[in-house]
């Protein structure tokens, strides 16, 4: 379901170095990057949401996997627009 993109080592939206970036064929992308003083995870569902969180080195991998899992579970469901909006609000509050 997820494909690792060939962007490792390039610069990303927060001007950090991309450590890992994956894209789902169902319409989402998630990026982990190392900035000078922190790590960021930017998650997006195409046409619906982009959300960036800041974390430290200790928690970044665990948080990345949790966010990816939530997005994957959402994408695998049949949803209507209102449910998609509810998920996006839930996701942004959670993370």
PDB file of N, CA and C in Angstrom:
ATOM      1  N   UNK A   1       0.818  -1.200   0.000  1.00  0.00           N
ATOM      2  CA  UNK A   1       0.000   0.000   0.000  1.00  0.00           C
ATOM      3  C   UNK A   1       0.862   1.264   0.000  1.00  0.00           C
ATOM      4  N   UNK A   2       2.004   1.244   0.661  1.00  0.00           N
ATOM      5  CA  UNK A   2       2.884   2.410   0.750  1.00  0.00           C
ATOM      6  C   UNK A   2       4.158   2.157  -0.047  1.00  0.00           C
ATOM      7  N   UNK A   3       4.570   3.175  -0.771  1.00  0.00           N
ATOM      8  CA  UNK A   3       5.798   3.105  -1.560  1.00  0.00           C
ATOM      9  C   UNK A   3       6.785   4.116  -0.993  1.00  0.00           C
ATOM     10  N   UNK A   4       8.008   3.670  -0.734  1.00  0.00           N
ATOM     11  CA  UNK A   4       9.053   4.588  -0.273  1.00  0.00           C
ATOM     12  C   UNK A   4       9.519   5.401  -1.475  1.00  0.00           C
ATOM     13  N   UNK A   5       9.508   6.718  -1.307  1.00  0.00           N
ATOM     14  CA  UNK A   5       9.905   7.611  -2.394  1.00  0.00           C
ATOM     15  C   UNK A   5      11.417   7.834  -2.372  1.00  0.00           C
ATOM     16  N   UNK A   6      11.964   8.170  -3.504  1.00  0.00           N
ATOM     17  CA  UNK A   6      13.410   8.377  -3.637  1.00  0.00           C
ATOM     18  C   UNK A   6      13.778   9.827  -3.342  1.00  0.00           C
ATOM     19  N   UNK A   7      13.416  10.284  -2.147  1.00  0.00           N
ATOM     20  CA  UNK A   7      13.668  11.673  -1.759  1.00  0.00           C
ATOM     21  C   UNK A   7      14.577  11.781  -0.540  1.00  0.00           C
ATOM     22  N   UNK A   8      15.059  10.664  -0.024  1.00  0.00           N
ATOM     23  CA  UNK A   8      15.891  10.680   1.180  1.00  0.00           C
ATOM     24  C   UNK A   8      17.120  11.551   0.937  1.00  0.00           C
ATOM     25  N   UNK A   9      17.373  12.462   1.901  1.00  0.00           N
ATOM     26  CA  UNK A   9      18.512  13.367   1.810  1.00  0.00           C
ATOM     27  C   UNK A   9      18.211  14.688   1.137  1.00  0.00           C
ATOM     28  N   UNK A  10      17.052  14.817   0.496  1.00  0.00           N
ATOM     29  CA  UNK A  10      16.691  16.090  -0.124  1.00  0.00           C
ATOM     30  C   UNK A  10      15.991  16.981   0.897  1.00  0.00           C
ATOM     31  N   UNK A  11      15.820  18.237   0.571  1.00  0.00           N
ATOM     32  CA  UNK A  11      15.153  19.198   1.454  1.00  0.00           C
ATOM     33  C   UNK A  11      13.645  19.090   1.292  1.00  0.00           C
ATOM     34  N   UNK A  12      12.930  19.369   2.384  1.00  0.00           N
ATOM     35  CA  UNK A  12      11.474  19.289   2.352  1.00  0.00           C
ATOM     36  C   UNK A  12      10.853  20.591   2.825  1.00  0.00           C
ATOM     37  N   UNK A  13       9.564  20.557   3.135  1.00  0.00           N
ATOM     38  CA  UNK A  13       8.775  21.757   3.416  1.00  0.00           C
ATOM     39  C   UNK A  13       9.282  22.563   4.603  1.00  0.00           C
ATOM     40  N   UNK A  14       9.866  21.921   5.591  1.00  0.00           N
ATOM     41  CA  UNK A  14      10.384  22.636   6.761  1.00  0.00           C
ATOM     42  C   UNK A  14      11.879  22.915   6.635  1.00  0.00           C
ATOM     43  N   UNK A  15      12.426  22.743   5.431  1.00  0.00           N
ATOM     44  CA  UNK A  15      13.829  22.979   5.113  1.00  0.00           C
ATOM     45  C   UNK A  15      14.774  22.034   5.849  1.00  0.00           C
ATOM     46  N   UNK A  16      14.271  20.873   6.209  1.00  0.00           N
ATOM     47  CA  UNK A  16      15.110  19.846   6.820  1.00  0.00           C
ATOM     48  C   UNK A  16      15.464  18.788   5.794  1.00  0.00           C
ATOM     49  N   UNK A  17      16.234  17.825   6.223  1.00  0.00           N
ATOM     50  CA  UNK A  17      16.615  16.714   5.355  1.00  0.00           C
ATOM     51  C   UNK A  17      15.597  15.587   5.496  1.00  0.00           C
ATOM     52  N   UNK A  18      15.099  15.108   4.386  1.00  0.00           N
ATOM     53  CA  UNK A  18      14.129  14.015   4.413  1.00  0.00           C
ATOM     54  C   UNK A  18      14.832  12.730   4.842  1.00  0.00           C
ATOM     55  N   UNK A  19      14.269  12.096   5.864  1.00  0.00           N
ATOM     56  CA  UNK A  19      14.765  10.815   6.360  1.00  0.00           C
ATOM     57  C   UNK A  19      13.963   9.678   5.738  1.00  0.00           C
ATOM     58  N   UNK A  20      12.663   9.899   5.615  1.00  0.00           N
ATOM     59  CA  UNK A  20      11.775   8.884   5.051  1.00  0.00           C
ATOM     60  C   UNK A  20      10.555   9.582   4.467  1.00  0.00           C
ATOM     61  N   UNK A  21      10.152   9.152   3.292  1.00  0.00           N
ATOM     62  CA  UNK A  21       8.942   9.692   2.672  1.00  0.00           C
ATOM     63  C   UNK A  21       8.244   8.556   1.938  1.00  0.00           C
ATOM     64  N   UNK A  22       6.955   8.398   2.235  1.00  0.00           N
ATOM     65  CA  UNK A  22       6.177   7.325   1.631  1.00  0.00           C
ATOM     66  C   UNK A  22       4.888   7.884   1.049  1.00  0.00           C
ATOM     67  N   UNK A  23       4.421   7.213   0.003  1.00  0.00           N
ATOM     68  CA  UNK A  23       3.179   7.613  -0.644  1.00  0.00           C
ATOM     69  C   UNK A  23       2.281   6.390  -0.798  1.00  0.00           C
ATOM     70  N   UNK A  24       1.012   6.578  -0.489  1.00  0.00           N
ATOM     71  CA  UNK A  24       0.022   5.518  -0.644  1.00  0.00           C
ATOM     72  C   UNK A  24      -0.662   5.653  -1.997  1.00  0.00           C
ATOM     73  N   UNK A  25      -0.861   4.548  -2.650  1.00  0.00           N
ATOM     74  CA  UNK A  25      -1.584   4.577  -3.923  1.00  0.00           C
ATOM     75  C   UNK A  25      -3.049   4.967  -3.731  1.00  0.00           C
ATOM     76  N   UNK A  26      -3.520   4.983  -2.472  1.00  0.00           N
ATOM     77  CA  UNK A  26      -4.892   5.408  -2.192  1.00  0.00           C
ATOM     78  C   UNK A  26      -5.015   6.927  -2.037  1.00  0.00           C
ATOM     79  N   UNK A  27      -3.882   7.650  -2.093  1.00  0.00           N
ATOM     80  CA  UNK A  27      -3.945   9.105  -2.107  1.00  0.00           C
ATOM     81  C   UNK A  27      -3.467   9.806  -0.859  1.00  0.00           C
ATOM     82  N   UNK A  28      -2.288   9.438  -0.377  1.00  0.00           N
ATOM     83  CA  UNK A  28      -1.730  10.103   0.802  1.00  0.00           C
ATOM     84  C   UNK A  28      -0.210  10.059   0.738  1.00  0.00           C
ATOM     85  N   UNK A  29       0.402  10.933   1.521  1.00  0.00           N
ATOM     86  CA  UNK A  29       1.861  10.986   1.612  1.00  0.00           C
ATOM     87  C   UNK A  29       2.232  11.343   3.041  1.00  0.00           C
ATOM     88  N   UNK A  30       3.343  10.781   3.505  1.00  0.00           N
ATOM     89  CA  UNK A  30       3.849  11.109   4.829  1.00  0.00           C
ATOM     90  C   UNK A  30       5.367  11.246   4.743  1.00  0.00           C
ATOM     91  N   UNK A  31       5.892  12.292   5.381  1.00  0.00           N
ATOM     92  CA  UNK A  31       7.309  12.619   5.290  1.00  0.00           C
ATOM     93  C   UNK A  31       7.878  12.856   6.680  1.00  0.00           C
ATOM     94  N   UNK A  32       9.017  12.241   6.958  1.00  0.00           N
ATOM     95  CA  UNK A  32       9.764  12.478   8.193  1.00  0.00           C
ATOM     96  C   UNK A  32      11.029  13.220   7.810  1.00  0.00           C
ATOM     97  N   UNK A  33      11.257  14.356   8.466  1.00  0.00           N
ATOM     98  CA  UNK A  33      12.473  15.102   8.167  1.00  0.00           C
ATOM     99  C   UNK A  33      13.176  15.564   9.431  1.00  0.00           C
ATOM    100  N   UNK A  34      14.479  15.678   9.323  1.00  0.00           N
ATOM    101  CA  UNK A  34      15.317  16.155  10.423  1.00  0.00           C
ATOM    102  C   UNK A  34      15.715  17.585  10.118  1.00  0.00           C
ATOM    103  N   UNK A  35      15.275  18.466  10.987  1.00  0.00           N
ATOM    104  CA  UNK A  35      15.649  19.871  10.881  1.00  0.00           C
ATOM    105  C   UNK A  35      16.812  20.122  11.841  1.00  0.00           C
ATOM    106  N   UNK A  36      17.258  21.357  11.918  1.00  0.00           N
ATOM    107  CA  UNK A  36      18.427  21.665  12.747  1.00  0.00           C
ATOM    108  C   UNK A  36      18.215  21.324  14.219  1.00  0.00           C
ATOM    109  N   UNK A  37      17.040  21.666  14.780  1.00  0.00           N
ATOM    110  CA  UNK A  37      16.819  21.484  16.218  1.00  0.00           C
ATOM    111  C   UNK A  37      15.654  20.561  16.555  1.00  0.00           C
ATOM    112  N   UNK A  38      14.998  20.007  15.567  1.00  0.00           N
ATOM    113  CA  UNK A  38      13.816  19.176  15.809  1.00  0.00           C
ATOM    114  C   UNK A  38      13.556  18.302  14.592  1.00  0.00           C
ATOM    115  N   UNK A  39      12.587  17.442  14.723  1.00  0.00           N
ATOM    116  CA  UNK A  39      12.118  16.599  13.625  1.00  0.00           C
ATOM    117  C   UNK A  39      10.690  17.018  13.288  1.00  0.00           C
ATOM    118  N   UNK A  40      10.298  16.848  12.037  1.00  0.00           N
ATOM    119  CA  UNK A  40       8.910  17.101  11.651  1.00  0.00           C
ATOM    120  C   UNK A  40       8.361  15.894  10.896  1.00  0.00           C
ATOM    121  N   UNK A  41       7.058  15.737  11.024  1.00  0.00           N
ATOM    122  CA  UNK A  41       6.332  14.754  10.231  1.00  0.00           C
ATOM    123  C   UNK A  41       5.213  15.518   9.537  1.00  0.00           C
ATOM    124  N   UNK A  42       5.205  15.466   8.228  1.00  0.00           N
ATOM    125  CA  UNK A  42       4.146  16.101   7.452  1.00  0.00           C
ATOM    126  C   UNK A  42       3.337  14.999   6.784  1.00  0.00           C
ATOM    127  N   UNK A  43       2.049  14.997   7.091  1.00  0.00           N
ATOM    128  CA  UNK A  43       1.145  13.977   6.556  1.00  0.00           C
ATOM    129  C   UNK A  43       0.067  14.664   5.740  1.00  0.00           C
ATOM    130  N   UNK A  44      -0.240  14.098   4.599  1.00  0.00           N
ATOM    131  CA  UNK A  44      -1.281  14.671   3.766  1.00  0.00           C
ATOM    132  C   UNK A  44      -2.161  13.615   3.141  1.00  0.00           C
ATOM    133  N   UNK A  45      -3.435  13.939   3.064  1.00  0.00           N
ATOM    134  CA  UNK A  45      -4.392  13.141   2.302  1.00  0.00           C
ATOM    135  C   UNK A  45      -4.792  14.023   1.129  1.00  0.00           C
ATOM    136  N   UNK A  46      -4.509  13.569  -0.064  1.00  0.00           N
ATOM    137  CA  UNK A  46      -4.707  14.394  -1.249  1.00  0.00           C
ATOM    138  C   UNK A  46      -6.143  14.905  -1.342  1.00  0.00           C
ATOM    139  N   UNK A  47      -6.254  16.224  -1.519  1.00  0.00           N
ATOM    140  CA  UNK A  47      -7.549  16.859  -1.661  1.00  0.00           C
ATOM    141  C   UNK A  47      -8.278  17.124  -0.365  1.00  0.00           C
ATOM    142  N   UNK A  48      -7.658  16.772   0.781  1.00  0.00           N
ATOM    143  CA  UNK A  48      -8.387  16.913   2.045  1.00  0.00           C
ATOM    144  C   UNK A  48      -7.596  17.597   3.151  1.00  0.00           C
ATOM    145  N   UNK A  49      -6.307  17.279   3.315  1.00  0.00           N
ATOM    146  CA  UNK A  49      -5.605  17.732   4.514  1.00  0.00           C
ATOM    147  C   UNK A  49      -4.101  17.655   4.314  1.00  0.00           C
ATOM    148  N   UNK A  50      -3.400  18.609   4.923  1.00  0.00           N
ATOM    149  CA  UNK A  50      -1.956  18.529   5.139  1.00  0.00           C
ATOM    150  C   UNK A  50      -1.730  18.971   6.568  1.00  0.00           C
ATOM    151  N   UNK A  51      -0.955  18.189   7.317  1.00  0.00           N
ATOM    152  CA  UNK A  51      -0.744  18.483   8.734  1.00  0.00           C
ATOM    153  C   UNK A  51       0.710  18.188   9.090  1.00  0.00           C
ATOM    154  N   UNK A  52       1.366  19.131   9.763  1.00  0.00           N
ATOM    155  CA  UNK A  52       2.754  18.966  10.192  1.00  0.00           C
ATOM    156  C   UNK A  52       2.822  18.971  11.704  1.00  0.00           C
ATOM    157  N   UNK A  53       3.572  18.025  12.250  1.00  0.00           N
ATOM    158  CA  UNK A  53       3.816  17.971  13.693  1.00  0.00           C
ATOM    159  C   UNK A  53       5.319  18.030  13.930  1.00  0.00           C
ATOM    160  N   UNK A  54       5.682  18.535  15.102  1.00  0.00           N
ATOM    161  CA  UNK A  54       7.074  18.651  15.502  1.00  0.00           C
ATOM    162  C   UNK A  54       7.336  17.657  16.621  1.00  0.00           C
ATOM    163  N   UNK A  55       8.484  16.998  16.580  1.00  0.00           N
ATOM    164  CA  UNK A  55       8.796  16.013  17.609  1.00  0.00           C
ATOM    165  C   UNK A  55      10.311  15.931  17.799  1.00  0.00           C
ATOM    166  N   UNK A  56      10.705  15.151  18.786  1.00  0.00           N
ATOM    167  CA  UNK A  56      12.128  14.976  19.043  1.00  0.00           C
ATOM    168  C   UNK A  56      12.601  13.650  18.448  1.00  0.00           C
ATOM    169  N   UNK A  57      13.912  13.452  18.489  1.00  0.00           N
ATOM    170  CA  UNK A  57      14.497  12.248  17.892  1.00  0.00           C
ATOM    171  C   UNK A  57      13.973  10.970  18.541  1.00  0.00           C
ATOM    172  N   UNK A  58      13.754  11.034  19.845  1.00  0.00           N
ATOM    173  CA  UNK A  58      13.325   9.856  20.602  1.00  0.00           C
ATOM    174  C   UNK A  58      11.946   9.349  20.163  1.00  0.00           C
ATOM    175  N   UNK A  59      11.044  10.264  19.832  1.00  0.00           N
ATOM    176  CA  UNK A  59       9.656   9.874  19.543  1.00  0.00           C
ATOM    177  C   UNK A  59       9.279   9.904  18.065  1.00  0.00           C
ATOM    178  N   UNK A  60      10.152  10.387  17.201  1.00  0.00           N
ATOM    179  CA  UNK A  60       9.740  10.641  15.809  1.00  0.00           C
ATOM    180  C   UNK A  60       9.357   9.373  15.045  1.00  0.00           C
ATOM    181  N   UNK A  61      10.081   8.289  15.194  1.00  0.00           N
ATOM    182  CA  UNK A  61       9.752   7.066  14.448  1.00  0.00           C
ATOM    183  C   UNK A  61       8.422   6.465  14.903  1.00  0.00           C
ATOM    184  N   UNK A  62       8.217   6.449  16.215  1.00  0.00           N
ATOM    185  CA  UNK A  62       6.968   5.901  16.758  1.00  0.00           C
ATOM    186  C   UNK A  62       5.769   6.743  16.308  1.00  0.00           C
ATOM    187  N   UNK A  63       5.927   8.063  16.361  1.00  0.00           N
ATOM    188  CA  UNK A  63       4.843   8.952  15.947  1.00  0.00           C
ATOM    189  C   UNK A  63       4.572   8.818  14.449  1.00  0.00           C
ATOM    190  N   UNK A  64       5.616   8.718  13.662  1.00  0.00           N
ATOM    191  CA  UNK A  64       5.476   8.537  12.211  1.00  0.00           C
ATOM    192  C   UNK A  64       4.638   7.295  11.915  1.00  0.00           C
ATOM    193  N   UNK A  65       4.976   6.187  12.549  1.00  0.00           N
ATOM    194  CA  UNK A  65       4.258   4.932  12.313  1.00  0.00           C
ATOM    195  C   UNK A  65       2.798   5.016  12.765  1.00  0.00           C
ATOM    196  N   UNK A  66       2.553   5.684  13.896  1.00  0.00           N
ATOM    197  CA  UNK A  66       1.177   5.832  14.392  1.00  0.00           C
ATOM    198  C   UNK A  66       0.338   6.675  13.430  1.00  0.00           C
ATOM    199  N   UNK A  67       0.911   7.771  12.942  1.00  0.00           N
ATOM    200  CA  UNK A  67       0.192   8.628  12.004  1.00  0.00           C
ATOM    201  C   UNK A  67      -0.090   7.883  10.701  1.00  0.00           C
ATOM    202  N   UNK A  68       0.894   7.175  10.214  1.00  0.00           N
ATOM    203  CA  UNK A  68       0.738   6.402   8.977  1.00  0.00           C
ATOM    204  C   UNK A  68      -0.359   5.346   9.137  1.00  0.00           C
ATOM    205  N   UNK A  69      -0.384   4.680  10.271  1.00  0.00           N
ATOM    206  CA  UNK A  69      -1.400   3.654  10.539  1.00  0.00           C
ATOM    207  C   UNK A  69      -2.801   4.260  10.535  1.00  0.00           C
ATOM    208  N   UNK A  70      -2.974   5.411  11.203  1.00  0.00           N
ATOM    209  CA  UNK A  70      -4.286   6.068  11.226  1.00  0.00           C
ATOM    210  C   UNK A  70      -4.734   6.461   9.821  1.00  0.00           C
ATOM    211  N   UNK A  71      -3.819   7.007   9.036  1.00  0.00           N
ATOM    212  CA  UNK A  71      -4.161   7.400   7.668  1.00  0.00           C
ATOM    213  C   UNK A  71      -4.530   6.173   6.842  1.00  0.00           C
ATOM    214  N   UNK A  72      -3.753   5.113   6.974  1.00  0.00           N
ATOM    215  CA  UNK A  72      -4.037   3.896   6.215  1.00  0.00           C
ATOM    216  C   UNK A  72      -5.413   3.338   6.553  1.00  0.00           C
ATOM    217  N   UNK A  73      -5.742   3.281   7.838  1.00  0.00           N
ATOM    218  CA  UNK A  73      -7.057   2.772   8.247  1.00  0.00           C
ATOM    219  C   UNK A  73      -8.179   3.624   7.670  1.00  0.00           C
ATOM    220  N   UNK A  74      -7.987   4.940   7.660  1.00  0.00           N
ATOM    221  CA  UNK A  74      -8.992   5.831   7.082  1.00  0.00           C
ATOM    222  C   UNK A  74      -9.140   5.586   5.578  1.00  0.00           C
ATOM    223  N   UNK A  75      -8.029   5.503   4.873  1.00  0.00           N
ATOM    224  CA  UNK A  75      -8.080   5.344   3.418  1.00  0.00           C
ATOM    225  C   UNK A  75      -8.725   4.034   2.987  1.00  0.00           C
ATOM    226  N   UNK A  76      -8.646   3.029   3.820  1.00  0.00           N
ATOM    227  CA  UNK A  76      -9.212   1.722   3.479  1.00  0.00           C
ATOM    228  C   UNK A  76     -10.727   1.663   3.664  1.00  0.00           C
ATOM    229  N   UNK A  77     -11.315   2.703   4.231  1.00  0.00           N
ATOM    230  CA  UNK A  77     -12.761   2.741   4.462  1.00  0.00           C
ATOM    231  C   UNK A  77     -13.465   3.451   3.312  1.00  0.00           C
ATOM    232  N   UNK A  78     -14.712   3.086   3.101  1.00  0.00           N
ATOM    233  CA  UNK A  78     -15.574   3.854   2.204  1.00  0.00           C
ATOM    234  C   UNK A  78     -16.169   4.982   3.032  1.00  0.00           C
ATOM    235  N   UNK A  79     -15.861   6.216   2.675  1.00  0.00           N
ATOM    236  CA  UNK A  79     -16.360   7.347   3.459  1.00  0.00           C
ATOM    237  C   UNK A  79     -17.036   8.362   2.551  1.00  0.00           C
ATOM    238  N   UNK A  80     -17.927   9.125   3.159  1.00  0.00           N
ATOM    239  CA  UNK A  80     -18.523  10.270   2.481  1.00  0.00           C
ATOM    240  C   UNK A  80     -17.768  11.506   2.942  1.00  0.00           C
ATOM    241  N   UNK A  81     -18.024  12.634   2.302  1.00  0.00           N
ATOM    242  CA  UNK A  81     -17.264  13.853   2.572  1.00  0.00           C
ATOM    243  C   UNK A  81     -17.305  14.264   4.041  1.00  0.00           C
ATOM    244  N   UNK A  82     -18.462  14.168   4.681  1.00  0.00           N
ATOM    245  CA  UNK A  82     -18.548  14.584   6.088  1.00  0.00           C
ATOM    246  C   UNK A  82     -17.690  13.691   6.979  1.00  0.00           C
ATOM    247  N   UNK A  83     -17.618  12.412   6.667  1.00  0.00           N
ATOM    248  CA  UNK A  83     -16.769  11.506   7.446  1.00  0.00           C
ATOM    249  C   UNK A  83     -15.293  11.821   7.226  1.00  0.00           C
ATOM    250  N   UNK A  84     -14.938  12.198   6.017  1.00  0.00           N
ATOM    251  CA  UNK A  84     -13.558  12.580   5.735  1.00  0.00           C
ATOM    252  C   UNK A  84     -13.180  13.825   6.526  1.00  0.00           C
ATOM    253  N   UNK A  85     -14.075  14.796   6.573  1.00  0.00           N
ATOM    254  CA  UNK A  85     -13.816  16.007   7.358  1.00  0.00           C
ATOM    255  C   UNK A  85     -13.683  15.683   8.834  1.00  0.00           C
ATOM    256  N   UNK A  86     -14.525  14.807   9.331  1.00  0.00           N
ATOM    257  CA  UNK A  86     -14.444  14.400  10.739  1.00  0.00           C
ATOM    258  C   UNK A  86     -13.118  13.708  11.030  1.00  0.00           C
ATOM    259  N   UNK A  87     -12.667  12.863  10.120  1.00  0.00           N
ATOM    260  CA  UNK A  87     -11.382  12.204  10.319  1.00  0.00           C
ATOM    261  C   UNK A  87     -10.250  13.224  10.355  1.00  0.00           C
ATOM    262  N   UNK A  88     -10.259  14.170   9.424  1.00  0.00           N
ATOM    263  CA  UNK A  88      -9.196  15.180   9.378  1.00  0.00           C
ATOM    264  C   UNK A  88      -9.152  15.984  10.670  1.00  0.00           C
ATOM    265  N   UNK A  89     -10.302  16.376  11.179  1.00  0.00           N
ATOM    266  CA  UNK A  89     -10.354  17.109  12.448  1.00  0.00           C
ATOM    267  C   UNK A  89      -9.824  16.248  13.589  1.00  0.00           C
ATOM    268  N   UNK A  90     -10.247  14.995  13.639  1.00  0.00           N
ATOM    269  CA  UNK A  90      -9.775  14.057  14.658  1.00  0.00           C
ATOM    270  C   UNK A  90      -8.251  13.896  14.582  1.00  0.00           C
ATOM    271  N   UNK A  91      -7.740  13.696  13.388  1.00  0.00           N
ATOM    272  CA  UNK A  91      -6.313  13.474  13.175  1.00  0.00           C
ATOM    273  C   UNK A  91      -5.499  14.683  13.635  1.00  0.00           C
ATOM    274  N   UNK A  92      -5.949  15.877  13.277  1.00  0.00           N
ATOM    275  CA  UNK A  92      -5.203  17.085  13.654  1.00  0.00           C
ATOM    276  C   UNK A  92      -5.267  17.354  15.151  1.00  0.00           C
ATOM    277  N   UNK A  93      -6.361  16.991  15.808  1.00  0.00           N
ATOM    278  CA  UNK A  93      -6.423  17.126  17.273  1.00  0.00           C
ATOM    279  C   UNK A  93      -5.516  16.096  17.943  1.00  0.00           C
ATOM    280  N   UNK A  94      -5.525  14.893  17.420  1.00  0.00           N
ATOM    281  CA  UNK A  94      -4.731  13.808  18.011  1.00  0.00           C
ATOM    282  C   UNK A  94      -3.235  14.079  17.883  1.00  0.00           C
ATOM    283  N   UNK A  95      -2.840  14.600  16.735  1.00  0.00           N
ATOM    284  CA  UNK A  95      -1.418  14.829  16.485  1.00  0.00           C
ATOM    285  C   UNK A  95      -1.102  16.313  16.428  1.00  0.00           C
TER     286      UNK A  95
END
